[in-house]
Amino acid sequence: MNALPPPSASTLPTSPLAIASLVFGIACWVVLPVLGSLGAIICGHLAKREIRDAHGRVGGSGMATAGLALGYVHLAFAIIATVFVILLFGGFAAALLAIGLHAH
């Protein structure tokens, strides 16, 4: 009897969570800044687990990794930007207080 060859990487079904992670990862840079990052990170980790537990029957690891990278990088930028803005406005407030221009 002829045995069927094992499925190649191109014929494996792709994890829907991996696709969602990549979509959220792209969306966080375009339309959903923080929520997209969180979606990309959560879906990416869930997809990685799903792919690992499927033992080669589910693909999409690259998509999940890309979504994770996009999500984590955007989240890091968002945190850095938030800290910068807080320090910037805190510095302005301190400068105004120092020169006596505070609200009465």
Foldseek 3Di string as FASTA:
>chain_A
DDDDDPDDQVPAAADPLLVQLLVLLVCCVPPNVQVSLVSNQVSLVVRVVVCVVVPPRYDNNVSSVNSNVSSVVSVVVVVVVVVVVVVVVVVVVVVCVVVPNDDD
